[in-house]
């Protein structure tokens, strides 16, 4: 569904414009609604899921035993931090300040299409990851 790498600018209010090439795909997949949450595996990035995909992931994560620390960590970072966002009239979504701060996202970022979801990386973290 989603693939490719796109340089993104985050404005002073913490909004990013959804790239034109993804707008129709997102609209069809989730009526424009995305879920933003932490990447529990790598620092410097966030996950963005279309809402229906997120609901399946959420249910799988919540079904894991809460008594195991690995499962609990996934539940905290993925489900506990999940925020639903919808694009405004200019196809921009607002990234919560807590999420931007945790991922170190500032003005320049990179949006990666990763099949059923996106990863939003800080420019520095993405550069370090691909080197």
C-alpha atoms as a PDB file:
ATOM      1  CA  UNK A   1       0.000   0.000   0.000  1.00  0.00           C
ATOM      2  CA  UNK A   2       2.491   2.672   1.137  1.00  0.00           C
ATOM      3  CA  UNK A   3       6.074   2.794  -0.033  1.00  0.00           C
ATOM      4  CA  UNK A   4       8.782   5.315  -0.695  1.00  0.00           C
ATOM      5  CA  UNK A   5      10.685   8.052   1.061  1.00  0.00           C
ATOM      6  CA  UNK A   6       9.494  11.655   1.215  1.00  0.00           C
ATOM      7  CA  UNK A   7      11.206  14.673   2.769  1.00  0.00           C
ATOM      8  CA  UNK A   8       8.691  16.431   5.012  1.00  0.00           C
ATOM      9  CA  UNK A   9       8.609  19.834   6.668  1.00  0.00           C
ATOM     10  CA  UNK A  10       6.885  20.215  10.017  1.00  0.00           C
ATOM     11  CA  UNK A  11       5.540  23.727  10.507  1.00  0.00           C
ATOM     12  CA  UNK A  12       5.876  25.838  13.661  1.00  0.00           C
ATOM     13  CA  UNK A  13       2.528  24.540  14.971  1.00  0.00           C
ATOM     14  CA  UNK A  14       3.645  20.919  14.647  1.00  0.00           C
ATOM     15  CA  UNK A  15       1.677  20.116  11.489  1.00  0.00           C
ATOM     16  CA  UNK A  16       2.807  18.190   8.456  1.00  0.00           C
ATOM     17  CA  UNK A  17       1.135  18.077   5.073  1.00  0.00           C
ATOM     18  CA  UNK A  18       0.289  14.601   3.852  1.00  0.00           C
ATOM     19  CA  UNK A  19       2.077  14.144   0.530  1.00  0.00           C
ATOM     20  CA  UNK A  20      -0.247  14.402  -2.463  1.00  0.00           C
ATOM     21  CA  UNK A  21       0.661  10.905  -3.655  1.00  0.00           C
ATOM     22  CA  UNK A  22      -0.699   9.387  -0.422  1.00  0.00           C
ATOM     23  CA  UNK A  23      -3.865  11.443   0.098  1.00  0.00           C
ATOM     24  CA  UNK A  24      -6.212   9.289  -1.960  1.00  0.00           C
ATOM     25  CA  UNK A  25      -4.764   6.067  -0.535  1.00  0.00           C
ATOM     26  CA  UNK A  26      -5.260   7.307   3.027  1.00  0.00           C
ATOM     27  CA  UNK A  27      -8.752   8.576   2.257  1.00  0.00           C
ATOM     28  CA  UNK A  28      -9.761   5.182   0.838  1.00  0.00           C
ATOM     29  CA  UNK A  29      -8.032   3.160   3.560  1.00  0.00           C
ATOM     30  CA  UNK A  30      -9.289   5.096   6.568  1.00  0.00           C
ATOM     31  CA  UNK A  31     -11.467   8.042   5.535  1.00  0.00           C
ATOM     32  CA  UNK A  32      -8.398  10.176   6.195  1.00  0.00           C
ATOM     33  CA  UNK A  33      -7.976   9.180   9.837  1.00  0.00           C
ATOM     34  CA  UNK A  34      -4.529   8.150  10.995  1.00  0.00           C
ATOM     35  CA  UNK A  35      -3.210   6.961  14.337  1.00  0.00           C
ATOM     36  CA  UNK A  36       0.123   8.318  15.552  1.00  0.00           C
ATOM     37  CA  UNK A  37       2.096   6.396  18.131  1.00  0.00           C
ATOM     38  CA  UNK A  38       5.666   5.752  19.251  1.00  0.00           C
ATOM     39  CA  UNK A  39       8.033   3.422  17.466  1.00  0.00           C
ATOM     40  CA  UNK A  40       8.844   1.009  20.298  1.00  0.00           C
ATOM     41  CA  UNK A  41      11.892  -0.431  18.549  1.00  0.00           C
ATOM     42  CA  UNK A  42      13.939   2.543  17.325  1.00  0.00           C
ATOM     43  CA  UNK A  43      14.492   6.031  18.679  1.00  0.00           C
ATOM     44  CA  UNK A  44      13.848   9.033  16.469  1.00  0.00           C
ATOM     45  CA  UNK A  45      10.638   7.945  14.788  1.00  0.00           C
ATOM     46  CA  UNK A  46       6.886   7.585  15.086  1.00  0.00           C
ATOM     47  CA  UNK A  47       4.430   5.187  13.477  1.00  0.00           C
ATOM     48  CA  UNK A  48       1.400   6.434  11.536  1.00  0.00           C
ATOM     49  CA  UNK A  49      -1.287   3.852  10.837  1.00  0.00           C
ATOM     50  CA  UNK A  50      -4.523   4.129   8.860  1.00  0.00           C
ATOM     51  CA  UNK A  51      -7.255   3.684  11.478  1.00  0.00           C
ATOM     52  CA  UNK A  52      -8.526   0.228  10.335  1.00  0.00           C
ATOM     53  CA  UNK A  53      -4.973  -1.167  10.257  1.00  0.00           C
ATOM     54  CA  UNK A  54      -4.311   0.344  13.673  1.00  0.00           C
ATOM     55  CA  UNK A  55      -7.396  -1.289  15.171  1.00  0.00           C
ATOM     56  CA  UNK A  56      -6.107  -4.745  14.186  1.00  0.00           C
ATOM     57  CA  UNK A  57      -2.608  -3.981  15.526  1.00  0.00           C
ATOM     58  CA  UNK A  58      -4.070  -2.560  18.749  1.00  0.00           C
ATOM     59  CA  UNK A  59      -6.176  -5.658  19.319  1.00  0.00           C
ATOM     60  CA  UNK A  60      -3.184  -7.960  18.730  1.00  0.00           C
ATOM     61  CA  UNK A  61      -0.997  -5.962  21.136  1.00  0.00           C
ATOM     62  CA  UNK A  62      -3.698  -5.830  23.799  1.00  0.00           C
ATOM     63  CA  UNK A  63      -4.151  -9.611  23.552  1.00  0.00           C
ATOM     64  CA  UNK A  64      -0.552 -10.149  24.695  1.00  0.00           C
ATOM     65  CA  UNK A  65      -0.052 -11.087  28.354  1.00  0.00           C
ATOM     66  CA  UNK A  66       0.342  -7.985  30.492  1.00  0.00           C
ATOM     67  CA  UNK A  67       2.543  -9.870  32.935  1.00  0.00           C
ATOM     68  CA  UNK A  68       5.432 -10.145  30.468  1.00  0.00           C
ATOM     69  CA  UNK A  69       7.644  -7.070  30.370  1.00  0.00           C
ATOM     70  CA  UNK A  70       8.124  -7.173  26.584  1.00  0.00           C
ATOM     71  CA  UNK A  71       4.360  -7.269  26.038  1.00  0.00           C
ATOM     72  CA  UNK A  72       3.742  -4.556  28.610  1.00  0.00           C
ATOM     73  CA  UNK A  73       6.350  -2.334  26.955  1.00  0.00           C
ATOM     74  CA  UNK A  74       4.618  -2.708  23.577  1.00  0.00           C
ATOM     75  CA  UNK A  75       1.244  -1.957  25.154  1.00  0.00           C
ATOM     76  CA  UNK A  76       2.559   1.193  26.810  1.00  0.00           C
ATOM     77  CA  UNK A  77       4.434   2.553  23.812  1.00  0.00           C
ATOM     78  CA  UNK A  78       2.016   1.594  21.073  1.00  0.00           C
ATOM     79  CA  UNK A  79      -1.463   1.513  22.565  1.00  0.00           C
ATOM     80  CA  UNK A  80      -1.002   3.882  25.486  1.00  0.00           C
ATOM     81  CA  UNK A  81       0.456   6.631  23.308  1.00  0.00           C
ATOM     82  CA  UNK A  82      -1.867   6.221  20.320  1.00  0.00           C
ATOM     83  CA  UNK A  83      -3.592   9.388  19.097  1.00  0.00           C
ATOM     84  CA  UNK A  84      -6.136   9.610  16.281  1.00  0.00           C
ATOM     85  CA  UNK A  85      -5.609  12.537  13.906  1.00  0.00           C
ATOM     86  CA  UNK A  86      -7.561  13.774  10.907  1.00  0.00           C
ATOM     87  CA  UNK A  87      -6.277  16.037   8.163  1.00  0.00           C
ATOM     88  CA  UNK A  88      -7.517  19.614   8.049  1.00  0.00           C
ATOM     89  CA  UNK A  89      -8.758  21.309   4.872  1.00  0.00           C
ATOM     90  CA  UNK A  90      -5.162  21.632   3.658  1.00  0.00           C
ATOM     91  CA  UNK A  91      -4.379  17.926   4.218  1.00  0.00           C
ATOM     92  CA  UNK A  92      -2.232  18.686   7.273  1.00  0.00           C
ATOM     93  CA  UNK A  93      -2.183  16.610  10.426  1.00  0.00           C
ATOM     94  CA  UNK A  94      -1.171  17.888  13.839  1.00  0.00           C
ATOM     95  CA  UNK A  95       1.549  15.862  15.525  1.00  0.00           C
ATOM     96  CA  UNK A  96       1.137  15.976  19.315  1.00  0.00           C
ATOM     97  CA  UNK A  97       3.951  17.857  21.054  1.00  0.00           C
ATOM     98  CA  UNK A  98       4.692  14.864  23.298  1.00  0.00           C
ATOM     99  CA  UNK A  99       5.206  12.645  20.275  1.00  0.00           C
ATOM    100  CA  UNK A 100       7.369  15.197  18.460  1.00  0.00           C
ATOM    101  CA  UNK A 101       9.535  15.653  21.540  1.00  0.00           C
ATOM    102  CA  UNK A 102       9.927  11.923  22.181  1.00  0.00           C
ATOM    103  CA  UNK A 103      11.033  11.309  18.582  1.00  0.00           C
ATOM    104  CA  UNK A 104      13.183  14.447  18.362  1.00  0.00           C
ATOM    105  CA  UNK A 105      11.137  15.736  15.433  1.00  0.00           C
ATOM    106  CA  UNK A 106      11.777  19.323  14.524  1.00  0.00           C
ATOM    107  CA  UNK A 107      11.408  21.161  11.223  1.00  0.00           C
ATOM    108  CA  UNK A 108      12.796  18.550   8.816  1.00  0.00           C
ATOM    109  CA  UNK A 109      11.659  14.944   8.798  1.00  0.00           C
ATOM    110  CA  UNK A 110      11.400  11.938   6.520  1.00  0.00           C
ATOM    111  CA  UNK A 111       8.189  10.015   5.883  1.00  0.00           C
ATOM    112  CA  UNK A 112       8.681   6.380   4.890  1.00  0.00           C
ATOM    113  CA  UNK A 113       5.922   4.267   3.393  1.00  0.00           C
ATOM    114  CA  UNK A 114       6.318   0.856   5.024  1.00  0.00           C
ATOM    115  CA  UNK A 115       3.497  -1.190   3.502  1.00  0.00           C
ATOM    116  CA  UNK A 116       0.544  -0.943   5.870  1.00  0.00           C
ATOM    117  CA  UNK A 117       1.872   2.045   7.832  1.00  0.00           C
ATOM    118  CA  UNK A 118       4.202   5.037   7.691  1.00  0.00           C
ATOM    119  CA  UNK A 119       7.254   5.764   9.766  1.00  0.00           C
ATOM    120  CA  UNK A 120       8.021   9.425  10.434  1.00  0.00           C
ATOM    121  CA  UNK A 121      11.701   9.933  11.224  1.00  0.00           C
ATOM    122  CA  UNK A 122      13.638  12.956  12.344  1.00  0.00           C
ATOM    123  CA  UNK A 123      16.037  13.906   9.586  1.00  0.00           C
ATOM    124  CA  UNK A 124      19.060  13.174  11.796  1.00  0.00           C
ATOM    125  CA  UNK A 125      17.808   9.792  13.039  1.00  0.00           C
ATOM    126  CA  UNK A 126      16.930   8.711   9.507  1.00  0.00           C
ATOM    127  CA  UNK A 127      20.366   9.692   8.204  1.00  0.00           C
ATOM    128  CA  UNK A 128      22.031   7.759  11.030  1.00  0.00           C
ATOM    129  CA  UNK A 129      19.805   4.724  10.404  1.00  0.00           C
ATOM    130  CA  UNK A 130      20.589   4.419   6.702  1.00  0.00           C
ATOM    131  CA  UNK A 131      24.340   4.995   7.008  1.00  0.00           C
END
